[in-house]
C-alpha atoms as a PDB file:
ATOM      1  CA  MET A   1      42.132-138.772 -72.341  1.00  0.00           C
ATOM      2  CA  VAL A   2      42.978-141.141 -69.322  1.00  0.00           C
ATOM      3  CA  PRO A   3      45.979-139.328 -68.024  1.00  0.00           C
ATOM      4  CA  LEU A   4      43.970-135.834 -68.447  1.00  0.00           C
ATOM      5  CA  VAL A   5      41.287-137.063 -66.304  1.00  0.00           C
ATOM      6  CA  VAL A   6      43.381-138.164 -63.162  1.00  0.00           C
ATOM      7  CA  SER A   7      45.498-134.846 -63.750  1.00  0.00           C
ATOM      8  CA  VAL A   8      42.536-132.444 -63.316  1.00  0.00           C
ATOM      9  CA  LEU A   9      40.885-134.744 -60.595  1.00  0.00           C
ATOM     10  CA  LEU A  10      44.048-134.737 -58.601  1.00  0.00           C
ATOM     11  CA  ALA A  11      44.564-130.969 -59.440  1.00  0.00           C
ATOM     12  CA  VAL A  12      40.516-130.166 -57.968  1.00  0.00           C
ATOM     13  CA  LEU A  13      41.524-132.535 -55.424  1.00  0.00           C
ATOM     14  CA  LEU A  14      44.767-131.039 -54.085  1.00  0.00           C
ATOM     15  CA  MET A  15      43.179-127.441 -54.290  1.00  0.00           C
ATOM     16  CA  ALA A  16      40.207-128.577 -52.094  1.00  0.00           C
ATOM     17  CA  LEU A  17      42.858-129.768 -49.304  1.00  0.00           C
ATOM     18  CA  LEU A  18      44.692-126.867 -49.577  1.00  0.00           C
ATOM     19  CA  CYS A  19      41.557-124.722 -48.777  1.00  0.00           C
ATOM     20  CA  LEU A  20      40.314-126.949 -45.821  1.00  0.00           C
ATOM     21  CA  LEU A  21      43.977-126.721 -44.638  1.00  0.00           C
ATOM     22  CA  ARG A  22      44.587-123.252 -44.921  1.00  0.00           C
ATOM     23  CA  THR A  23      41.651-122.381 -42.099  1.00  0.00           C
ATOM     24  CA  CYS A  24      42.612-125.318 -40.049  1.00  0.00           C
ATOM     25  CA  LEU A  25      46.468-124.814 -39.469  1.00  0.00           C
ATOM     26  CA  PRO A  26      47.087-121.404 -39.803  1.00  0.00           C
ATOM     27  CA  ARG A  27      50.458-121.650 -37.979  1.00  0.00           C
ATOM     28  CA  MET A  28      51.606-123.523 -41.266  1.00  0.00           C
ATOM     29  CA  TYR A  29      49.968-121.532 -44.317  1.00  0.00           C
ATOM     30  CA  MET A  30      49.299-118.300 -42.820  1.00  0.00           C
ATOM     31  CA  PRO A  31      52.132-117.836 -40.586  1.00  0.00           C
ATOM     32  CA  ARG A  32      52.718-114.194 -41.090  1.00  0.00           C
ATOM     33  CA  THR A  33      48.994-113.339 -40.256  1.00  0.00           C
ATOM     34  CA  LEU A  34      49.816-114.215 -36.747  1.00  0.00           C
ATOM     35  CA  LEU A  35      53.461-112.047 -35.971  1.00  0.00           C
ATOM     36  CA  VAL A  36      52.485-108.839 -33.952  1.00  0.00           C
ATOM     37  CA  ARG A  37      54.019-106.245 -36.928  1.00  0.00           C
ATOM     38  CA  GLU A  38      53.513-102.228 -37.258  1.00  0.00           C
ATOM     39  CA  ARG A  39      52.088-103.473 -40.615  1.00  0.00           C
ATOM     40  CA  PRO A  40      50.780-106.970 -41.203  1.00  0.00           C
ATOM     41  CA  PRO A  41      49.364-108.191 -44.300  1.00  0.00           C
ATOM     42  CA  PRO A  42      45.243-107.604 -45.167  1.00  0.00           C
ATOM     43  CA  PRO A  43      43.349-109.828 -43.874  1.00  0.00           C
ATOM     44  CA  LEU A  44      41.808-112.787 -46.052  1.00  0.00           C
ATOM     45  CA  PRO A  45      38.384-112.527 -47.149  1.00  0.00           C
ATOM     46  CA  PRO A  46      36.089-115.487 -45.552  1.00  0.00           C
ATOM     47  CA  GLY A  47      34.942-118.490 -47.744  1.00  0.00           C
ATOM     48  CA  ALA A  48      36.965-121.741 -49.049  1.00  0.00           C
ATOM     49  CA  VAL A  49      38.258-120.289 -52.189  1.00  0.00           C
ATOM     50  CA  ALA A  50      37.772-116.478 -51.331  1.00  0.00           C
ATOM     51  CA  TRP A  51      41.093-115.959 -51.294  1.00  0.00           C
ATOM     52  CA  LEU A  52      42.166-116.529 -54.383  1.00  0.00           C
ATOM     53  CA  TRP A  53      40.578-112.862 -55.803  1.00  0.00           C
ATOM     54  CA  ALA A  54      42.377-111.490 -53.080  1.00  0.00           C
ATOM     55  CA  VAL A  55      45.862-112.793 -54.057  1.00  0.00           C
ATOM     56  CA  TRP A  56      44.978-112.412 -57.866  1.00  0.00           C
ATOM     57  CA  THR A  57      44.654-108.453 -56.898  1.00  0.00           C
ATOM     58  CA  ILE A  58      46.701-107.958 -54.341  1.00  0.00           C
ATOM     59  CA  SER A  59      49.496-104.917 -54.943  1.00  0.00           C
ATOM     60  CA  ASP A  60      52.804-104.958 -55.540  1.00  0.00           C
ATOM     61  CA  ASP A  61      53.946-102.599 -52.867  1.00  0.00           C
ATOM     62  CA  THR A  62      51.545-104.440 -50.260  1.00  0.00           C
ATOM     63  CA  VAL A  63      53.679-107.769 -51.185  1.00  0.00           C
ATOM     64  CA  PHE A  64      56.722-105.917 -50.876  1.00  0.00           C
ATOM     65  CA  ARG A  65      55.824-104.700 -47.841  1.00  0.00           C
ATOM     66  CA  THR A  66      54.205-107.859 -45.772  1.00  0.00           C
ATOM     67  CA  ALA A  67      56.511-110.520 -47.757  1.00  0.00           C
ATOM     68  CA  GLY A  68      59.456-109.114 -48.508  1.00  0.00           C
ATOM     69  CA  LEU A  69      61.616-108.612 -51.396  1.00  0.00           C
ATOM     70  CA  ASP A  70      62.279-112.770 -52.044  1.00  0.00           C
ATOM     71  CA  ALA A  71      58.582-113.337 -52.629  1.00  0.00           C
ATOM     72  CA  PHE A  72      57.872-110.129 -54.526  1.00  0.00           C
ATOM     73  CA  VAL A  73      60.845-110.904 -56.872  1.00  0.00           C
ATOM     74  CA  TYR A  74      59.403-114.295 -56.992  1.00  0.00           C
ATOM     75  CA  LEU A  75      55.641-113.426 -57.723  1.00  0.00           C
ATOM     76  CA  LYS A  76      57.419-110.845 -60.346  1.00  0.00           C
ATOM     77  CA  PHE A  77      59.234-113.493 -62.037  1.00  0.00           C
ATOM     78  CA  GLN A  78      55.642-116.069 -62.186  1.00  0.00           C
ATOM     79  CA  GLU A  79      53.617-113.155 -63.630  1.00  0.00           C
ATOM     80  CA  VAL A  80      56.277-112.612 -66.421  1.00  0.00           C
ATOM     81  CA  ILE A  81      56.511-116.206 -67.442  1.00  0.00           C
ATOM     82  CA  TYR A  82      52.364-116.264 -67.345  1.00  0.00           C
ATOM     83  CA  GLN A  83      52.462-113.223 -69.880  1.00  0.00           C
END
C-alpha cells in the first residue's frame, strides 16, 4: 500500500510541476508556439490544467500539420497502446 501512495503522490507532484513550468518556461515546453510560421498551432486555453482537454481533443490533421510526421506517428502509437 505504501508504494502505491508514494507513486500517486509523486505523480501528482510531477504533474503540478509540469503545469507550473509549462507557463513559466514557454521556450522549453512550447517552442513551436514561438515560431513564425504560416500555420501556427492553435492557442492553448488559459489555466493550469486546461491544456489537457485541448490535447485530448486535438485532431490528427492538426497534429500532423503543426508537429510533424514523427509526433503524429508517436501519438498514434500511444493511442493504439491505450486501446
